[in-house]
Amino acid sequence: MLKKVAVVVLPGITPFEFGVACEVFGVDRSTRAVGLPAFEFSICTPSPGLVPTNLGFAISVEEDLRATETADLVIMPPFGVDAPGQPEVHRALQAAHQRGAWVLSVCSGAFALAEAGLLNGRRATTHWLHAHRLAEQYPEVHVDENVLYVQDGSIITSAGTAAGIDACLHLVRTELGATAATSIARSMVVPPHRAGGQAQFIDRPISVTQCDTLEHVLVWLDEHLDEEHSVSALAARAHMSERTFARRFKAETGTTPAAWLTAQRVLRAQTLLEESDLSVESIARETGFGQAVLLRHHFQRALGTSPAAYRRTFRGHPETAQNATDNTDALNLQPA
């Protein structure tokens, strides 16, 4: 269970990405609502004292790297790709990984993970500005510059700025469930879930005029996930041609309508598995998958587990007999 979090601070740290870790894991929200987590949160550095940021002010850090020794999660914010290596930090990251802790980097913090050897043979990402350098400097790392975040085992790497929020909320959802992640996101006034495979960088400008945004269509879709949707029908609702709608949708969400719908349906299924006693078959209908076999397939593909196993993990009490029949092993489904 994710309880203790340690953030490593080094000279040249970028305040926003550091603040992401502090906001998601450092704020005690347990008194606001039942079920919200209270993490034991630590900020540490190799040499405690004033640690300069890249914006000219310093952060006072009192704890040393011993805080990482018992942490369930160690976070590595960016501190500059040209900064000298920190062997003691690399050892702390290695030790955390070896004992099974989560290790998460934001933006160029991935360079510290790569230098520690944690990314060898793994998929990873970083800010698109630094992706080529990461790939060239560490050829054993499979760098994907076109995604928001990547989870490979117990290691999560994310792109810059807001993608760090997405990665942290993804981890909260993985460890503590959809309700905790959604509650934290609501408190931060950010989307509760963006799939890691969304694009980092859109190479065309997006119009900011209210009439061009698809927000009203996305809100409507989220309220009608149980229905079938075609691009032509959605384009008509947005008063656009199909081609313009598809282009605008990709620009605003970073993905296709079909992929967005699937991700939102899986997200809704997670919530229903946690909060309701509906059978898997009923949840499949409620979320628009129609059949349990399709829900299991997309759930396994997105989360690496079955709906029944997810419910057992996040409900904390026995399932109904209907749900106990859910078994993806017997189906042996492969991602499409």
C-alpha atoms as a PDB file:
ATOM      1  CA  MET A   1       0.000   0.000   0.000  1.00  0.00           C
ATOM      2  CA  LEU A   2       1.238   3.470  -0.899  1.00  0.00           C
ATOM      3  CA  LYS A   3       1.735   5.356   2.381  1.00  0.00           C
ATOM      4  CA  LYS A   4       5.192   6.915   2.588  1.00  0.00           C
ATOM      5  CA  VAL A   5       6.469   9.250  -0.131  1.00  0.00           C
ATOM      6  CA  ALA A   6       9.930  10.819  -0.445  1.00  0.00           C
ATOM      7  CA  VAL A   7      10.817  13.546  -2.960  1.00  0.00           C
ATOM      8  CA  VAL A   8      14.492  14.031  -3.805  1.00  0.00           C
ATOM      9  CA  VAL A   9      15.550  17.674  -4.199  1.00  0.00           C
ATOM     10  CA  LEU A  10      18.761  18.636  -5.995  1.00  0.00           C
ATOM     11  CA  PRO A  11      20.304  22.009  -6.949  1.00  0.00           C
ATOM     12  CA  GLY A  12      18.614  23.457 -10.021  1.00  0.00           C
ATOM     13  CA  ILE A  13      15.257  21.841  -9.241  1.00  0.00           C
ATOM     14  CA  THR A  14      12.289  23.272 -11.154  1.00  0.00           C
ATOM     15  CA  PRO A  15       9.625  24.573  -8.756  1.00  0.00           C
ATOM     16  CA  PHE A  16       6.511  23.618 -10.703  1.00  0.00           C
ATOM     17  CA  GLU A  17       7.364  19.934 -11.056  1.00  0.00           C
ATOM     18  CA  PHE A  18       8.499  19.853  -7.431  1.00  0.00           C
ATOM     19  CA  GLY A  19       5.174  21.442  -6.525  1.00  0.00           C
ATOM     20  CA  VAL A  20       3.289  18.710  -8.373  1.00  0.00           C
ATOM     21  CA  ALA A  21       4.667  16.076  -6.018  1.00  0.00           C
ATOM     22  CA  CYS A  22       3.946  18.280  -3.013  1.00  0.00           C
ATOM     23  CA  GLU A  23       0.363  18.976  -4.105  1.00  0.00           C
ATOM     24  CA  VAL A  24      -0.588  15.377  -4.909  1.00  0.00           C
ATOM     25  CA  PHE A  25       1.157  13.636  -2.015  1.00  0.00           C
ATOM     26  CA  GLY A  26       2.050  16.346   0.499  1.00  0.00           C
ATOM     27  CA  VAL A  27      -1.403  17.766   1.240  1.00  0.00           C
ATOM     28  CA  ASP A  28      -3.354  15.952   3.954  1.00  0.00           C
ATOM     29  CA  ARG A  29      -6.869  15.582   2.533  1.00  0.00           C
ATOM     30  CA  SER A  30      -7.948  12.814   4.921  1.00  0.00           C
ATOM     31  CA  THR A  31      -9.965  15.234   7.059  1.00  0.00           C
ATOM     32  CA  ARG A  32     -12.028  16.474   4.114  1.00  0.00           C
ATOM     33  CA  ALA A  33     -13.772  13.228   3.203  1.00  0.00           C
ATOM     34  CA  VAL A  34     -13.792   9.568   4.153  1.00  0.00           C
ATOM     35  CA  GLY A  35     -11.409   7.505   2.076  1.00  0.00           C
ATOM     36  CA  LEU A  36      -9.004  10.266   1.103  1.00  0.00           C
ATOM     37  CA  PRO A  37      -5.389   9.292   1.747  1.00  0.00           C
ATOM     38  CA  ALA A  38      -2.968  10.891   4.184  1.00  0.00           C
ATOM     39  CA  PHE A  39       0.589  10.219   3.035  1.00  0.00           C
ATOM     40  CA  GLU A  40       3.695  10.385   5.180  1.00  0.00           C
ATOM     41  CA  PHE A  41       5.494  12.923   3.018  1.00  0.00           C
ATOM     42  CA  SER A  42       9.221  13.750   3.092  1.00  0.00           C
ATOM     43  CA  ILE A  43      11.461  16.114   1.146  1.00  0.00           C
ATOM     44  CA  CYS A  44      15.100  15.076   1.159  1.00  0.00           C
ATOM     45  CA  THR A  45      18.468  15.922  -0.370  1.00  0.00           C
ATOM     46  CA  PRO A  46      22.033  14.575  -0.104  1.00  0.00           C
ATOM     47  CA  SER A  47      23.212  17.606   1.926  1.00  0.00           C
ATOM     48  CA  PRO A  48      20.382  19.175   3.964  1.00  0.00           C
ATOM     49  CA  GLY A  49      20.155  22.958   3.970  1.00  0.00           C
ATOM     50  CA  LEU A  50      19.251  25.540   1.349  1.00  0.00           C
ATOM     51  CA  VAL A  51      18.855  23.989  -2.113  1.00  0.00           C
ATOM     52  CA  PRO A  52      18.779  26.507  -4.993  1.00  0.00           C
ATOM     53  CA  THR A  53      16.059  26.244  -7.624  1.00  0.00           C
ATOM     54  CA  ASN A  54      16.476  27.160 -11.278  1.00  0.00           C
ATOM     55  CA  LEU A  55      14.511  30.380 -10.703  1.00  0.00           C
ATOM     56  CA  GLY A  56      16.837  32.101  -8.276  1.00  0.00           C
ATOM     57  CA  PHE A  57      15.297  31.227  -4.925  1.00  0.00           C
ATOM     58  CA  ALA A  58      16.167  28.375  -2.567  1.00  0.00           C
ATOM     59  CA  ILE A  59      14.241  25.662  -0.753  1.00  0.00           C
ATOM     60  CA  SER A  60      15.132  24.758   2.813  1.00  0.00           C
ATOM     61  CA  VAL A  61      15.388  20.965   3.098  1.00  0.00           C
ATOM     62  CA  GLU A  62      15.977  19.362   6.488  1.00  0.00           C
ATOM     63  CA  GLU A  63      16.077  15.612   5.699  1.00  0.00           C
ATOM     64  CA  ASP A  64      18.829  13.613   4.014  1.00  0.00           C
ATOM     65  CA  LEU A  65      18.470  10.636   1.702  1.00  0.00           C
ATOM     66  CA  ARG A  66      17.719   8.255   4.563  1.00  0.00           C
ATOM     67  CA  ALA A  67      14.105   9.311   3.988  1.00  0.00           C
ATOM     68  CA  THR A  68      14.136   7.194   0.823  1.00  0.00           C
ATOM     69  CA  GLU A  69      15.101   4.011   2.670  1.00  0.00           C
ATOM     70  CA  THR A  70      11.584   3.231   3.876  1.00  0.00           C
ATOM     71  CA  ALA A  71       9.548   5.125   1.279  1.00  0.00           C
ATOM     72  CA  ASP A  72       6.896   3.311  -0.757  1.00  0.00           C
ATOM     73  CA  LEU A  73       7.433   5.888  -3.503  1.00  0.00           C
ATOM     74  CA  VAL A  74      10.530   7.891  -4.400  1.00  0.00           C
ATOM     75  CA  ILE A  75       9.961  10.863  -6.728  1.00  0.00           C
ATOM     76  CA  MET A  76      12.687  12.433  -8.855  1.00  0.00           C
ATOM     77  CA  PRO A  77      11.712  15.926 -10.080  1.00  0.00           C
ATOM     78  CA  PRO A  78      13.787  17.623 -12.814  1.00  0.00           C
ATOM     79  CA  PHE A  79      16.950  19.451 -11.821  1.00  0.00           C
ATOM     80  CA  GLY A  80      18.611  20.159 -15.166  1.00  0.00           C
ATOM     81  CA  VAL A  81      19.954  17.802 -17.810  1.00  0.00           C
ATOM     82  CA  ASP A  82      23.427  19.379 -17.568  1.00  0.00           C
ATOM     83  CA  ALA A  83      23.685  18.997 -13.788  1.00  0.00           C
ATOM     84  CA  PRO A  84      26.502  16.756 -12.554  1.00  0.00           C
ATOM     85  CA  GLY A  85      25.628  13.232 -11.479  1.00  0.00           C
ATOM     86  CA  GLN A  86      24.840  12.474  -7.851  1.00  0.00           C
ATOM     87  CA  PRO A  87      26.140   8.958  -7.021  1.00  0.00           C
ATOM     88  CA  GLU A  88      24.457   8.911  -3.624  1.00  0.00           C
ATOM     89  CA  VAL A  89      21.125   9.710  -5.292  1.00  0.00           C
ATOM     90  CA  HIS A  90      21.673   6.934  -7.826  1.00  0.00           C
ATOM     91  CA  ARG A  91      22.350   4.486  -4.996  1.00  0.00           C
ATOM     92  CA  ALA A  92      19.203   5.596  -3.184  1.00  0.00           C
ATOM     93  CA  LEU A  93      17.110   5.106  -6.334  1.00  0.00           C
ATOM     94  CA  GLN A  94      18.637   1.684  -6.938  1.00  0.00           C
ATOM     95  CA  ALA A  95      18.013   0.602  -3.368  1.00  0.00           C
ATOM     96  CA  ALA A  96      14.398   1.772  -3.483  1.00  0.00           C
ATOM     97  CA  HIS A  97      13.771  -0.119  -6.707  1.00  0.00           C
ATOM     98  CA  GLN A  98      15.480  -3.276  -5.460  1.00  0.00           C
ATOM     99  CA  ARG A  99      13.262  -3.493  -2.402  1.00  0.00           C
ATOM    100  CA  GLY A 100      10.112  -3.043  -4.509  1.00  0.00           C
ATOM    101  CA  ALA A 101       9.265   0.631  -3.988  1.00  0.00           C
ATOM    102  CA  TRP A 102       7.737   2.743  -6.730  1.00  0.00           C
ATOM    103  CA  VAL A 103      10.122   5.163  -8.458  1.00  0.00           C
ATOM    104  CA  LEU A 104       8.629   8.063 -10.418  1.00  0.00           C
ATOM    105  CA  SER A 105      10.342  10.788 -12.417  1.00  0.00           C
ATOM    106  CA  VAL A 106       8.930  14.024 -13.786  1.00  0.00           C
ATOM    107  CA  CYS A 107      10.344  15.610 -16.945  1.00  0.00           C
ATOM    108  CA  SER A 108      14.167  15.485 -17.015  1.00  0.00           C
ATOM    109  CA  GLY A 109      14.207  13.665 -13.684  1.00  0.00           C
ATOM    110  CA  ALA A 110      14.289  10.607 -15.964  1.00  0.00           C
ATOM    111  CA  PHE A 111      17.988  11.298 -16.555  1.00  0.00           C
ATOM    112  CA  ALA A 112      18.717  10.468 -12.911  1.00  0.00           C
ATOM    113  CA  LEU A 113      16.820   7.185 -13.262  1.00  0.00           C
ATOM    114  CA  ALA A 114      18.698   6.400 -16.469  1.00  0.00           C
ATOM    115  CA  GLU A 115      22.059   7.244 -14.879  1.00  0.00           C
ATOM    116  CA  ALA A 116      21.176   4.888 -12.034  1.00  0.00           C
ATOM    117  CA  GLY A 117      20.567   2.126 -14.587  1.00  0.00           C
ATOM    118  CA  LEU A 118      16.899   1.751 -13.687  1.00  0.00           C
ATOM    119  CA  LEU A 119      15.671   2.384 -17.229  1.00  0.00           C
ATOM    120  CA  ASN A 120      17.918  -0.074 -19.062  1.00  0.00           C
ATOM    121  CA  GLY A 121      15.758  -2.230 -21.304  1.00  0.00           C
ATOM    122  CA  ARG A 122      12.619  -0.333 -20.293  1.00  0.00           C
ATOM    123  CA  ARG A 123      10.221   2.026 -22.020  1.00  0.00           C
ATOM    124  CA  ALA A 124      10.472   5.536 -20.657  1.00  0.00           C
ATOM    125  CA  THR A 125       9.636   9.107 -21.531  1.00  0.00           C
ATOM    126  CA  THR A 126      10.654  12.642 -20.680  1.00  0.00           C
ATOM    127  CA  HIS A 127       9.819  16.110 -21.981  1.00  0.00           C
ATOM    128  CA  TRP A 128       9.925  16.063 -25.781  1.00  0.00           C
ATOM    129  CA  LEU A 129      12.659  18.727 -25.718  1.00  0.00           C
ATOM    130  CA  HIS A 130      14.987  16.266 -23.965  1.00  0.00           C
ATOM    131  CA  ALA A 131      13.846  12.971 -25.491  1.00  0.00           C
ATOM    132  CA  HIS A 132      16.488  12.734 -28.222  1.00  0.00           C
ATOM    133  CA  ARG A 133      19.241  13.545 -25.761  1.00  0.00           C
ATOM    134  CA  LEU A 134      18.001  10.884 -23.344  1.00  0.00           C
ATOM    135  CA  ALA A 135      17.930   8.325 -26.161  1.00  0.00           C
ATOM    136  CA  GLU A 136      21.406   9.225 -27.385  1.00  0.00           C
ATOM    137  CA  GLN A 137      22.965   9.411 -23.935  1.00  0.00           C
ATOM    138  CA  TYR A 138      21.369   6.158 -22.744  1.00  0.00           C
ATOM    139  CA  PRO A 139      20.913   3.892 -25.799  1.00  0.00           C
ATOM    140  CA  GLU A 140      19.659   0.977 -23.678  1.00  0.00           C
ATOM    141  CA  VAL A 141      16.550   2.991 -22.768  1.00  0.00           C
ATOM    142  CA  HIS A 142      13.553   2.707 -25.100  1.00  0.00           C
ATOM    143  CA  VAL A 143      12.554   6.371 -25.173  1.00  0.00           C
ATOM    144  CA  ASP A 144       9.040   7.275 -26.336  1.00  0.00           C
ATOM    145  CA  GLU A 145       8.744  11.020 -26.790  1.00  0.00           C
ATOM    146  CA  ASN A 146       5.118  10.894 -27.917  1.00  0.00           C
ATOM    147  CA  VAL A 147       3.409   9.990 -24.644  1.00  0.00           C
ATOM    148  CA  LEU A 148       2.505  11.729 -21.392  1.00  0.00           C
ATOM    149  CA  TYR A 149       3.813   9.020 -19.084  1.00  0.00           C
ATOM    150  CA  VAL A 150       4.975   5.421 -19.117  1.00  0.00           C
ATOM    151  CA  GLN A 151       4.659   2.769 -16.432  1.00  0.00           C
ATOM    152  CA  ASP A 152       7.111  -0.096 -16.837  1.00  0.00           C
ATOM    153  CA  GLY A 153       6.883  -2.349 -13.819  1.00  0.00           C
ATOM    154  CA  SER A 154       7.275  -0.269 -10.669  1.00  0.00           C
ATOM    155  CA  ILE A 155       8.936   2.615 -12.541  1.00  0.00           C
ATOM    156  CA  ILE A 156       6.959   5.542 -13.928  1.00  0.00           C
ATOM    157  CA  THR A 157       8.462   8.277 -16.104  1.00  0.00           C
ATOM    158  CA  SER A 158       6.515  11.321 -17.239  1.00  0.00           C
ATOM    159  CA  ALA A 159       6.857  14.271 -19.546  1.00  0.00           C
ATOM    160  CA  GLY A 160       6.978  17.873 -18.385  1.00  0.00           C
ATOM    161  CA  THR A 161       4.719  19.992 -16.227  1.00  0.00           C
ATOM    162  CA  ALA A 162       1.080  18.791 -16.307  1.00  0.00           C
ATOM    163  CA  ALA A 163       2.082  15.274 -17.393  1.00  0.00           C
ATOM    164  CA  GLY A 164       3.657  14.896 -13.961  1.00  0.00           C
ATOM    165  CA  ILE A 165       0.208  15.414 -12.448  1.00  0.00           C
ATOM    166  CA  ASP A 166      -1.204  12.751 -14.760  1.00  0.00           C
ATOM    167  CA  ALA A 167       1.521  10.288 -13.770  1.00  0.00           C
ATOM    168  CA  CYS A 168       1.037  10.899 -10.049  1.00  0.00           C
ATOM    169  CA  LEU A 169      -2.735  10.491 -10.310  1.00  0.00           C
ATOM    170  CA  HIS A 170      -2.223   7.336 -12.372  1.00  0.00           C
ATOM    171  CA  LEU A 171      -0.145   5.919  -9.541  1.00  0.00           C
ATOM    172  CA  VAL A 172      -2.727   6.926  -6.927  1.00  0.00           C
ATOM    173  CA  ARG A 173      -5.408   5.241  -9.014  1.00  0.00           C
ATOM    174  CA  THR A 174      -3.279   2.104  -9.401  1.00  0.00           C
ATOM    175  CA  GLU A 175      -2.502   1.837  -5.692  1.00  0.00           C
ATOM    176  CA  LEU A 176      -5.563   3.342  -4.020  1.00  0.00           C
ATOM    177  CA  GLY A 177      -8.322   3.248  -6.615  1.00  0.00           C
ATOM    178  CA  ALA A 178     -10.421   5.566  -8.734  1.00  0.00           C
ATOM    179  CA  THR A 179     -12.193   7.273  -5.842  1.00  0.00           C
ATOM    180  CA  ALA A 180      -8.958   8.481  -4.213  1.00  0.00           C
ATOM    181  CA  ALA A 181      -7.514   9.658  -7.534  1.00  0.00           C
ATOM    182  CA  THR A 182     -10.718  11.458  -8.492  1.00  0.00           C
ATOM    183  CA  SER A 183     -10.960  13.124  -5.076  1.00  0.00           C
ATOM    184  CA  ILE A 184      -7.388  14.427  -5.288  1.00  0.00           C
ATOM    185  CA  ALA A 185      -7.957  15.605  -8.852  1.00  0.00           C
ATOM    186  CA  ARG A 186     -11.149  17.400  -7.847  1.00  0.00           C
ATOM    187  CA  SER A 187      -9.302  19.131  -5.026  1.00  0.00           C
ATOM    188  CA  MET A 188      -6.597  20.226  -7.494  1.00  0.00           C
ATOM    189  CA  VAL A 189      -9.195  21.177 -10.142  1.00  0.00           C
ATOM    190  CA  VAL A 190      -7.538  18.993 -12.793  1.00  0.00           C
ATOM    191  CA  PRO A 191      -8.842  16.131 -14.968  1.00  0.00           C
ATOM    192  CA  PRO A 192      -8.930  12.895 -12.940  1.00  0.00           C
ATOM    193  CA  HIS A 193      -7.469  10.830 -15.764  1.00  0.00           C
ATOM    194  CA  ARG A 194      -5.551  11.324 -18.985  1.00  0.00           C
ATOM    195  CA  ALA A 195      -4.275   8.178 -20.635  1.00  0.00           C
ATOM    196  CA  GLY A 196      -0.495   7.960 -20.715  1.00  0.00           C
ATOM    197  CA  GLY A 197      -0.492   7.300 -24.440  1.00  0.00           C
ATOM    198  CA  GLN A 198      -1.843  10.727 -25.346  1.00  0.00           C
ATOM    199  CA  ALA A 199       0.425  12.953 -27.369  1.00  0.00           C
ATOM    200  CA  GLN A 200       2.771  15.384 -25.606  1.00  0.00           C
ATOM    201  CA  PHE A 201       3.089  17.874 -28.400  1.00  0.00           C
ATOM    202  CA  ILE A 202       0.550  19.215 -30.879  1.00  0.00           C
ATOM    203  CA  ASP A 203       2.287  20.853 -33.826  1.00  0.00           C
ATOM    204  CA  ARG A 204      -0.595  23.100 -34.863  1.00  0.00           C
ATOM    205  CA  PRO A 205      -2.098  26.033 -32.938  1.00  0.00           C
ATOM    206  CA  ILE A 206      -5.467  25.509 -31.296  1.00  0.00           C
ATOM    207  CA  SER A 207      -8.068  28.224 -31.660  1.00  0.00           C
ATOM    208  CA  VAL A 208      -9.114  29.687 -28.345  1.00  0.00           C
ATOM    209  CA  THR A 209     -12.487  30.970 -29.461  1.00  0.00           C
ATOM    210  CA  GLN A 210     -15.330  29.443 -27.475  1.00  0.00           C
ATOM    211  CA  CYS A 211     -17.226  28.357 -30.596  1.00  0.00           C
ATOM    212  CA  ASP A 212     -14.366  26.097 -31.693  1.00  0.00           C
ATOM    213  CA  THR A 213     -13.867  24.113 -28.523  1.00  0.00           C
ATOM    214  CA  LEU A 214     -15.230  20.576 -28.205  1.00  0.00           C
ATOM    215  CA  GLU A 215     -15.692  20.830 -24.450  1.00  0.00           C
ATOM    216  CA  HIS A 216     -19.490  20.609 -24.708  1.00  0.00           C
ATOM    217  CA  VAL A 217     -19.201  17.471 -26.838  1.00  0.00           C
ATOM    218  CA  LEU A 218     -16.744  15.854 -24.399  1.00  0.00           C
ATOM    219  CA  VAL A 219     -19.007  16.630 -21.450  1.00  0.00           C
ATOM    220  CA  TRP A 220     -22.004  15.182 -23.314  1.00  0.00           C
ATOM    221  CA  LEU A 221     -20.039  12.065 -24.286  1.00  0.00           C
ATOM    222  CA  ASP A 222     -18.988  11.507 -20.686  1.00  0.00           C
ATOM    223  CA  GLU A 223     -22.665  11.565 -19.716  1.00  0.00           C
ATOM    224  CA  HIS A 224     -23.632   9.103 -22.461  1.00  0.00           C
ATOM    225  CA  LEU A 225     -20.874   6.488 -22.334  1.00  0.00           C
ATOM    226  CA  ASP A 226     -23.446   3.688 -22.369  1.00  0.00           C
ATOM    227  CA  GLU A 227     -24.560   4.629 -25.891  1.00  0.00           C
ATOM    228  CA  GLU A 228     -22.989   3.883 -29.254  1.00  0.00           C
ATOM    229  CA  HIS A 229     -21.308   6.814 -30.995  1.00  0.00           C
ATOM    230  CA  SER A 230     -20.103   7.340 -34.539  1.00  0.00           C
ATOM    231  CA  VAL A 231     -17.742  10.022 -35.762  1.00  0.00           C
ATOM    232  CA  SER A 232     -20.413  11.267 -38.138  1.00  0.00           C
ATOM    233  CA  ALA A 233     -22.950  11.698 -35.314  1.00  0.00           C
ATOM    234  CA  LEU A 234     -20.416  13.420 -33.073  1.00  0.00           C
ATOM    235  CA  ALA A 235     -19.325  15.696 -35.903  1.00  0.00           C
ATOM    236  CA  ALA A 236     -22.951  16.665 -36.463  1.00  0.00           C
ATOM    237  CA  ARG A 237     -23.361  17.451 -32.764  1.00  0.00           C
ATOM    238  CA  ALA A 238     -20.277  19.686 -32.995  1.00  0.00           C
ATOM    239  CA  HIS A 239     -21.600  21.269 -36.231  1.00  0.00           C
ATOM    240  CA  MET A 240     -18.453  20.259 -38.103  1.00  0.00           C
ATOM    241  CA  SER A 241     -17.547  18.040 -41.018  1.00  0.00           C
ATOM    242  CA  GLU A 242     -16.212  14.608 -40.061  1.00  0.00           C
ATOM    243  CA  ARG A 243     -12.722  15.548 -41.219  1.00  0.00           C
ATOM    244  CA  THR A 244     -12.680  18.815 -39.280  1.00  0.00           C
ATOM    245  CA  PHE A 245     -14.110  17.115 -36.193  1.00  0.00           C
ATOM    246  CA  ALA A 246     -11.489  14.351 -36.237  1.00  0.00           C
ATOM    247  CA  ARG A 247      -8.700  16.897 -36.634  1.00  0.00           C
ATOM    248  CA  ARG A 248     -10.092  19.139 -33.873  1.00  0.00           C
ATOM    249  CA  PHE A 249     -10.625  16.188 -31.541  1.00  0.00           C
ATOM    250  CA  LYS A 250      -7.025  15.077 -31.974  1.00  0.00           C
ATOM    251  CA  ALA A 251      -5.796  18.636 -31.390  1.00  0.00           C
ATOM    252  CA  GLU A 252      -7.772  19.094 -28.167  1.00  0.00           C
ATOM    253  CA  THR A 253      -7.388  15.646 -26.596  1.00  0.00           C
ATOM    254  CA  GLY A 254      -4.236  14.264 -28.207  1.00  0.00           C
ATOM    255  CA  THR A 255      -6.038  11.076 -29.240  1.00  0.00           C
ATOM    256  CA  THR A 256      -8.834   9.735 -31.443  1.00  0.00           C
ATOM    257  CA  PRO A 257     -12.546   9.692 -30.535  1.00  0.00           C
ATOM    258  CA  ALA A 258     -12.514   5.873 -30.306  1.00  0.00           C
ATOM    259  CA  ALA A 259      -9.447   5.789 -28.033  1.00  0.00           C
ATOM    260  CA  TRP A 260     -10.845   8.588 -25.849  1.00  0.00           C
ATOM    261  CA  LEU A 261     -14.166   6.811 -25.460  1.00  0.00           C
ATOM    262  CA  THR A 262     -12.485   3.534 -24.543  1.00  0.00           C
ATOM    263  CA  ALA A 263     -10.329   5.227 -21.915  1.00  0.00           C
ATOM    264  CA  GLN A 264     -13.338   6.994 -20.368  1.00  0.00           C
ATOM    265  CA  ARG A 265     -15.343   3.780 -20.340  1.00  0.00           C
ATOM    266  CA  VAL A 266     -12.551   1.914 -18.570  1.00  0.00           C
ATOM    267  CA  LEU A 267     -12.338   4.786 -16.096  1.00  0.00           C
ATOM    268  CA  ARG A 268     -16.098   4.601 -15.432  1.00  0.00           C
ATOM    269  CA  ALA A 269     -15.844   0.829 -15.042  1.00  0.00           C
ATOM    270  CA  GLN A 270     -13.147   1.272 -12.392  1.00  0.00           C
ATOM    271  CA  THR A 271     -15.440   3.542 -10.409  1.00  0.00           C
ATOM    272  CA  LEU A 272     -18.402   1.153 -10.667  1.00  0.00           C
ATOM    273  CA  LEU A 273     -16.256  -1.807  -9.658  1.00  0.00           C
ATOM    274  CA  GLU A 274     -15.167   0.085  -6.565  1.00  0.00           C
ATOM    275  CA  GLU A 275     -18.425   1.711  -5.564  1.00  0.00           C
ATOM    276  CA  SER A 276     -21.241  -0.598  -6.721  1.00  0.00           C
ATOM    277  CA  ASP A 277     -22.317  -4.232  -6.472  1.00  0.00           C
ATOM    278  CA  LEU A 278     -23.208  -4.429 -10.151  1.00  0.00           C
ATOM    279  CA  SER A 279     -22.083  -7.562 -11.961  1.00  0.00           C
ATOM    280  CA  VAL A 280     -19.340  -7.316 -14.583  1.00  0.00           C
ATOM    281  CA  GLU A 281     -21.980  -7.920 -17.249  1.00  0.00           C
ATOM    282  CA  SER A 282     -24.066  -4.999 -15.941  1.00  0.00           C
ATOM    283  CA  ILE A 283     -21.035  -2.738 -15.740  1.00  0.00           C
ATOM    284  CA  ALA A 284     -20.184  -3.611 -19.336  1.00  0.00           C
ATOM    285  CA  ARG A 285     -23.643  -2.381 -20.367  1.00  0.00           C
ATOM    286  CA  GLU A 286     -23.486   0.710 -18.143  1.00  0.00           C
ATOM    287  CA  THR A 287     -20.145   1.780 -19.595  1.00  0.00           C
ATOM    288  CA  GLY A 288     -20.947   1.162 -23.258  1.00  0.00           C
ATOM    289  CA  PHE A 289     -18.845  -1.956 -23.815  1.00  0.00           C
ATOM    290  CA  GLY A 290     -22.051  -3.947 -24.195  1.00  0.00           C
ATOM    291  CA  GLN A 291     -20.633  -7.345 -23.267  1.00  0.00           C
ATOM    292  CA  ALA A 292     -18.483  -8.495 -20.366  1.00  0.00           C
ATOM    293  CA  VAL A 293     -15.985 -10.064 -22.765  1.00  0.00           C
ATOM    294  CA  LEU A 294     -15.247  -6.647 -24.301  1.00  0.00           C
ATOM    295  CA  LEU A 295     -14.976  -4.985 -20.900  1.00  0.00           C
ATOM    296  CA  ARG A 296     -12.510  -7.652 -19.761  1.00  0.00           C
ATOM    297  CA  HIS A 297     -10.469  -7.258 -22.922  1.00  0.00           C
ATOM    298  CA  HIS A 298     -10.129  -3.472 -22.699  1.00  0.00           C
ATOM    299  CA  PHE A 299      -9.678  -3.564 -18.923  1.00  0.00           C
ATOM    300  CA  GLN A 300      -6.832  -6.075 -19.221  1.00  0.00           C
ATOM    301  CA  ARG A 301      -5.254  -4.074 -22.027  1.00  0.00           C
ATOM    302  CA  ALA A 302      -5.427  -0.768 -20.152  1.00  0.00           C
ATOM    303  CA  LEU A 303      -4.658  -1.902 -16.597  1.00  0.00           C
ATOM    304  CA  GLY A 304      -3.048  -5.315 -16.879  1.00  0.00           C
ATOM    305  CA  THR A 305      -5.641  -6.991 -14.665  1.00  0.00           C
ATOM    306  CA  SER A 306      -9.200  -8.323 -14.793  1.00  0.00           C
ATOM    307  CA  PRO A 307     -12.296  -6.469 -13.539  1.00  0.00           C
ATOM    308  CA  ALA A 308     -12.784  -9.115 -10.833  1.00  0.00           C
ATOM    309  CA  ALA A 309      -9.197  -8.853  -9.610  1.00  0.00           C
ATOM    310  CA  TYR A 310      -9.458  -5.061  -9.600  1.00  0.00           C
ATOM    311  CA  ARG A 311     -12.645  -5.206  -7.528  1.00  0.00           C
ATOM    312  CA  ARG A 312     -11.095  -7.612  -5.023  1.00  0.00           C
ATOM    313  CA  THR A 313      -8.171  -5.232  -4.590  1.00  0.00           C
ATOM    314  CA  PHE A 314     -10.110  -2.013  -4.178  1.00  0.00           C
ATOM    315  CA  ARG A 315     -13.388  -3.073  -2.568  1.00  0.00           C
ATOM    316  CA  GLY A 316     -11.946  -4.839   0.483  1.00  0.00           C
ATOM    317  CA  HIS A 317     -14.899  -7.189   0.875  1.00  0.00           C
ATOM    318  CA  PRO A 318     -16.173 -10.354  -0.851  1.00  0.00           C
ATOM    319  CA  GLU A 319     -17.782  -9.978  -4.243  1.00  0.00           C
ATOM    320  CA  THR A 320     -21.167 -11.241  -5.248  1.00  0.00           C
ATOM    321  CA  ALA A 321     -21.461 -14.662  -6.804  1.00  0.00           C
ATOM    322  CA  GLN A 322     -22.104 -13.065 -10.186  1.00  0.00           C
ATOM    323  CA  ASN A 323     -18.795 -11.245 -10.160  1.00  0.00           C
ATOM    324  CA  ALA A 324     -16.878 -14.278  -8.909  1.00  0.00           C
ATOM    325  CA  THR A 325     -17.341 -15.897 -12.313  1.00  0.00           C
ATOM    326  CA  ASP A 326     -15.195 -13.271 -14.048  1.00  0.00           C
ATOM    327  CA  ASN A 327     -12.007 -14.995 -15.258  1.00  0.00           C
ATOM    328  CA  THR A 328      -9.790 -13.452 -17.939  1.00  0.00           C
ATOM    329  CA  ASP A 329      -7.315 -16.350 -17.731  1.00  0.00           C
ATOM    330  CA  ALA A 330      -9.875 -18.609 -19.358  1.00  0.00           C
ATOM    331  CA  LEU A 331     -10.370 -16.080 -22.164  1.00  0.00           C
ATOM    332  CA  ASN A 332      -6.661 -15.627 -22.893  1.00  0.00           C
ATOM    333  CA  LEU A 333      -7.378 -12.311 -24.615  1.00  0.00           C
ATOM    334  CA  GLN A 334      -4.635 -10.442 -26.458  1.00  0.00           C
ATOM    335  CA  PRO A 335      -4.624  -6.680 -27.079  1.00  0.00           C
ATOM    336  CA  ALA A 336      -5.911  -5.717 -30.501  1.00  0.00           C
END
